Structures are given as C-alpha cells and as structure tokens.
Amino acid sequence: MFLDVDGTLVPGTTSSAHIADFLGHFETLTAAEEAYALGKMSNQEVSVIDARGWAGVDEDVVHQWLHGLPLVAGIAETVAWCARRELVPVLATLAWEPVGRFLADRFRVGSFCGPRLEVVRGRYTGRVLYHFDEYDKRDHCVAEADRLGVPLSACVAVGDSRSDLPLFEEVGYSIAFNGTPEARRAATAAVDGDDLRAVLPLLERWLTSPSGR
C-alpha cells in the first residue's frame, strides 16, 4: 500500500510548511506550494525556493522539529492492519528525505522516497541534491512493487492531491483521503475524516471483492 504524506498523513498543511515556519520562510513556501497545486509551478521550482531557507541548519535540529509534525490519527493502527493482511506499507511522497525517513522509522514502514537536500558536515547547504516530482514518485512505486514481486493491479495508493495522480493511474485501487476535487475524480474511491482508519472499510471491501487482490 502506497501512502502519501503531505495532505494525507500530515493534515491541513505540509511537512515543508511545518519546517519553513521554524526557518522563517513560511509565507514564501506556502505561496509556492499553492502555485504547484494549481499547476502553475513545478515541484522542482518549489524545491529550489524551499531549499534556500535550509542553508546552514543542522540536521539534528530539523529532526527535533519533526517531532512536532502534525499527523492524522490512526497511522500506527492502519499500518498494523495492513501488516496483518500482508499489505506492505510504503511512503510515497514528495516530502524531503528527512521527513520520509523520520516517519518510516516512527511507524516502522520499510520504504520511502522523496527529494534530497545537500548536506555538508551535518548542515544543509541550501541546495537540492536530488529533485523528485510526481512522476518520479510513480516510478519509485512501480519499482518497489516489482522489487516485492507484487503486480500493480494488487497495489493500492492512498493520497489527496496532484502529486498522487500519476500513481493513481497505475495501481489496481486508489483512495482519495480528504482529497482535492481532482484527486477524487482520479481515484477509485474517496473518503474524508480525521483518522486514517477511515480508509480501512474501503480497503477491506477491495481485498475481499472478486476483482481485488
């Protein structure tokens, strides 16, 4: 199961905005993220703008800020539910690599993806080392499914917005969780809520249906 982060596991904001609030460029970043959501700016352009604000900041400081990242309820319970049903959770996200690593460690998710910032002697330089957009996210998930020996028709993706659309087209089942109108139209099913466990009845129905896994 591919799980998006920003807007899905992180409700009402993004992990980048959370960190940008500490860094002092929150308004600049949120304007750029809104432009991305409207298709007026690429993820690469947003990443460059955001990365500049990280210059000189220690990796350990950012890690401490992530402990206060707002998260939707029910993540651990949903991951455990998936494990009992042999659904392997994967974080499929455009969030920065420190965010994916933090969440993967916290919830014991085996794999994650995302763009990377350059680090020299434990401090961020303000430059993007590796860009990652919605198509890279899709390709990562396709490769991860292949590595696990699972056909894409037996995979499910949970997301909420533009960055999830290419992946929604590839998997056998997709859920727009608190999704934008565009994500809802692209997804197989949609559900809203303040707890990730709201997706479980949909997943159960998919798993037990004749056309499911």
Protein backbone atom coordinates (compact mmCIF):
# COMPACT_ATOMS: atom_id res chain seq x y z
CA MET A 1 0.00 0.00 0.00
CA PHE A 2 1.43 3.35 -1.07
CA LEU A 3 0.77 6.14 1.43
CA ASP A 4 1.14 9.81 0.59
CA VAL A 5 2.46 12.12 3.34
CA ASP A 6 1.61 15.79 2.83
CA GLY A 7 -2.14 16.35 2.97
CA THR A 8 -2.72 12.66 3.78
CA LEU A 9 -0.67 11.72 6.84
CA VAL A 10 0.06 15.39 7.53
CA PRO A 11 -3.38 17.06 7.55
CA GLY A 12 -4.16 20.65 6.68
CA THR A 13 -0.57 21.61 5.91
CA THR A 14 2.66 20.11 4.57
CA SER A 15 5.80 18.89 6.25
CA SER A 16 7.76 21.54 4.33
CA ALA A 17 5.48 24.28 5.64
CA HIS A 18 5.91 22.94 9.18
CA ILE A 19 9.68 23.20 8.87
CA ALA A 20 9.54 26.51 6.98
CA ASP A 21 7.72 28.03 9.95
CA PHE A 22 10.83 27.35 12.06
CA LEU A 23 13.15 28.50 9.27
CA GLY A 24 11.30 31.79 8.73
CA HIS A 25 10.08 31.43 5.14
CA PHE A 26 6.62 30.01 5.74
CA GLU A 27 4.71 32.56 3.64
CA THR A 28 7.08 32.27 0.69
CA LEU A 29 6.85 28.49 0.71
CA THR A 30 3.07 28.26 1.10
CA ALA A 31 2.63 30.63 -1.86
CA ALA A 32 4.89 28.38 -3.94
CA GLU A 33 3.03 25.24 -2.81
CA GLU A 34 -0.28 26.81 -3.77
CA ALA A 35 1.13 27.59 -7.21
CA TYR A 36 2.21 23.94 -7.54
CA ALA A 37 -1.24 22.70 -6.53
CA LEU A 38 -2.75 24.88 -9.28
CA GLY A 39 -0.27 23.60 -11.86
CA LYS A 40 1.44 27.00 -12.15
CA MET A 41 4.79 25.86 -10.79
CA SER A 42 6.76 22.62 -10.97
CA ASN A 43 7.83 20.68 -7.91
CA GLN A 44 11.44 21.38 -8.87
CA GLU A 45 10.82 25.12 -8.70
CA VAL A 46 9.14 24.81 -5.31
CA SER A 47 12.01 22.66 -4.03
CA VAL A 48 14.63 25.24 -5.03
CA ILE A 49 12.70 28.01 -3.25
CA ASP A 50 12.28 25.91 -0.12
CA ALA A 51 15.85 24.59 -0.07
CA ARG A 52 17.36 28.07 0.19
CA GLY A 53 15.81 28.50 3.61
CA TRP A 54 17.55 25.39 4.94
CA ALA A 55 21.06 26.81 4.42
CA GLY A 56 23.25 26.47 7.50
CA VAL A 57 20.73 24.48 9.55
CA ASP A 58 21.92 21.40 11.43
CA GLU A 59 20.39 18.03 10.53
CA ASP A 60 19.72 17.23 14.20
CA VAL A 61 17.79 20.48 14.66
CA VAL A 62 15.42 19.61 11.82
CA HIS A 63 14.97 16.13 13.26
CA GLN A 64 13.84 17.67 16.56
CA TRP A 65 11.36 19.92 14.74
CA LEU A 66 9.83 16.86 13.10
CA HIS A 67 8.74 15.51 16.48
CA GLY A 68 6.10 18.25 16.45
CA LEU A 69 4.87 17.48 12.93
CA PRO A 70 1.05 17.38 12.94
CA LEU A 71 -0.15 13.93 11.96
CA VAL A 72 -3.55 12.41 11.32
CA ALA A 73 -4.74 9.92 13.93
CA GLY A 74 -4.67 6.19 13.25
CA ILE A 75 -1.44 5.84 11.28
CA ALA A 76 0.10 3.16 13.51
CA GLU A 77 -3.17 1.24 13.66
CA THR A 78 -3.58 1.37 9.88
CA VAL A 79 -0.02 0.16 9.31
CA ALA A 80 -0.62 -2.71 11.75
CA TRP A 81 -3.90 -3.59 9.99
CA CYS A 82 -2.06 -3.75 6.67
CA ALA A 83 0.65 -5.98 8.12
CA ARG A 84 -1.96 -8.48 9.30
CA ARG A 85 -3.31 -8.65 5.76
CA GLU A 86 0.05 -8.84 4.00
CA LEU A 87 -0.24 -5.33 2.60
CA VAL A 88 3.24 -3.79 2.69
CA PRO A 89 3.09 -0.06 3.55
CA VAL A 90 5.35 2.24 1.53
CA LEU A 91 5.60 6.02 1.95
CA ALA A 92 5.07 7.54 -1.49
CA THR A 93 5.80 11.22 -1.09
CA LEU A 94 7.38 14.40 -2.42
CA ALA A 95 8.34 15.40 1.12
CA TRP A 96 12.04 15.92 1.79
CA GLU A 97 14.10 12.83 2.59
CA PRO A 98 14.46 13.69 6.34
CA VAL A 99 10.66 13.68 6.63
CA GLY A 100 10.24 10.33 4.90
CA ARG A 101 12.99 8.78 7.00
CA PHE A 102 11.52 10.16 10.23
CA LEU A 103 8.04 8.81 9.50
CA ALA A 104 9.32 5.47 8.20
CA ASP A 105 11.31 4.98 11.41
CA ARG A 106 8.47 6.12 13.65
CA PHE A 107 5.82 3.89 12.11
CA ARG A 108 8.10 1.04 11.04
CA VAL A 109 7.44 1.47 7.35
CA GLY A 110 10.10 -0.24 5.30
CA SER A 111 10.43 2.12 2.35
CA PHE A 112 10.04 5.78 1.45
CA CYS A 113 11.00 8.17 -1.32
CA GLY A 114 11.41 11.89 -1.90
CA PRO A 115 13.78 14.68 -2.92
CA ARG A 116 17.10 15.21 -1.13
CA LEU A 117 18.89 18.26 0.16
CA GLU A 118 22.66 18.63 0.03
CA VAL A 119 24.36 18.20 3.40
CA VAL A 120 27.97 19.11 4.22
CA ARG A 121 29.42 18.26 7.65
CA GLY A 122 25.97 17.76 9.14
CA ARG A 123 24.47 21.02 7.88
CA TYR A 124 22.19 21.73 4.95
CA THR A 125 23.73 23.89 2.23
CA GLY A 126 20.51 25.30 0.81
CA ARG A 127 20.87 23.35 -2.44
CA VAL A 128 18.80 20.48 -3.82
CA LEU A 129 20.89 17.35 -4.29
CA TYR A 130 18.18 15.28 -5.96
CA HIS A 131 14.88 16.52 -7.39
CA PHE A 132 11.79 14.33 -7.20
CA ASP A 133 8.38 15.02 -8.75
CA GLU A 134 5.04 13.23 -9.07
CA TYR A 135 6.32 11.10 -11.95
CA ASP A 136 9.41 10.06 -10.01
CA LYS A 137 7.05 9.15 -7.17
CA ARG A 138 5.06 6.94 -9.52
CA ASP A 139 8.21 5.35 -10.93
CA HIS A 140 9.57 4.67 -7.44
CA CYS A 141 6.35 2.87 -6.52
CA VAL A 142 6.38 0.85 -9.74
CA ALA A 143 9.96 -0.20 -8.99
CA GLU A 144 9.12 -1.00 -5.37
CA ALA A 145 6.20 -3.21 -6.43
CA ASP A 146 8.49 -5.01 -8.86
CA ARG A 147 11.10 -5.49 -6.12
CA LEU A 148 8.46 -7.03 -3.86
CA GLY A 149 7.14 -9.21 -6.66
CA VAL A 150 3.67 -7.67 -6.49
CA PRO A 151 1.74 -6.72 -9.66
CA LEU A 152 0.49 -3.14 -9.73
CA SER A 153 -3.05 -4.48 -10.04
CA ALA A 154 -2.61 -5.80 -6.49
CA CYS A 155 -1.41 -2.45 -5.14
CA VAL A 156 -3.40 0.36 -3.56
CA ALA A 157 -2.49 4.04 -3.22
CA VAL A 158 -3.87 6.49 -0.68
CA GLY A 159 -3.38 10.18 -1.40
CA ASP A 160 -5.06 13.53 -1.66
CA SER A 161 -3.83 15.76 -4.46
CA ARG A 162 -1.92 16.49 -7.67
CA SER A 163 1.22 14.55 -6.73
CA ASP A 164 -0.82 11.34 -6.44
CA LEU A 165 -2.49 11.40 -9.84
CA PRO A 166 0.15 9.57 -11.91
CA LEU A 167 0.32 6.82 -9.28
CA PHE A 168 -3.47 6.55 -9.09
CA GLU A 169 -3.44 5.70 -12.81
CA GLU A 170 -1.09 2.75 -12.30
CA VAL A 171 -2.40 0.86 -9.27
CA GLY A 172 -5.31 -1.54 -9.02
CA TYR A 173 -7.13 0.55 -6.40
CA SER A 174 -6.79 4.14 -5.23
CA ILE A 175 -8.34 6.14 -2.40
CA ALA A 176 -8.59 9.92 -2.20
CA PHE A 177 -8.36 10.62 1.52
CA ASN A 178 -9.56 14.18 2.24
CA GLY A 179 -8.78 14.67 -1.42
CA THR A 180 -8.98 17.61 -3.76
CA PRO A 181 -11.71 17.50 -6.44
CA GLU A 182 -9.06 16.45 -8.97
CA ALA A 183 -7.85 13.59 -6.77
CA ARG A 184 -11.42 12.42 -6.12
CA ARG A 185 -12.13 12.24 -9.82
CA ALA A 186 -8.97 10.22 -10.44
CA ALA A 187 -9.37 7.81 -7.51
CA THR A 188 -11.34 4.58 -7.38
CA ALA A 189 -12.94 5.67 -4.10
CA ALA A 190 -12.92 8.66 -1.75
CA VAL A 191 -13.38 9.15 1.96
CA ASP A 192 -12.94 12.02 4.41
CA GLY A 193 -12.03 12.02 8.08
CA ASP A 194 -9.58 12.99 10.79
CA ASP A 195 -8.39 9.41 11.30
CA LEU A 196 -6.57 7.34 8.68
CA ARG A 197 -8.58 4.30 9.73
CA ALA A 198 -11.44 5.77 7.68
CA VAL A 199 -9.81 4.08 4.67
CA LEU A 200 -9.95 0.60 6.23
CA PRO A 201 -13.55 -0.30 5.27
CA LEU A 202 -12.72 0.59 1.67
CA LEU A 203 -9.55 -1.48 1.77
CA GLU A 204 -11.40 -4.41 3.32
CA ARG A 205 -14.03 -4.26 0.60
CA TRP A 206 -11.35 -4.17 -2.09
CA LEU A 207 -9.39 -7.05 -0.58
CA THR A 208 -12.45 -9.29 -0.31
CA SER A 209 -14.03 -8.40 -3.64
CA PRO A 210 -13.73 -10.81 -6.61
CA SER A 211 -11.77 -8.19 -8.52
CA GLY A 212 -9.48 -7.35 -5.57
CA ARG A 213 -6.17 -8.93 -4.62
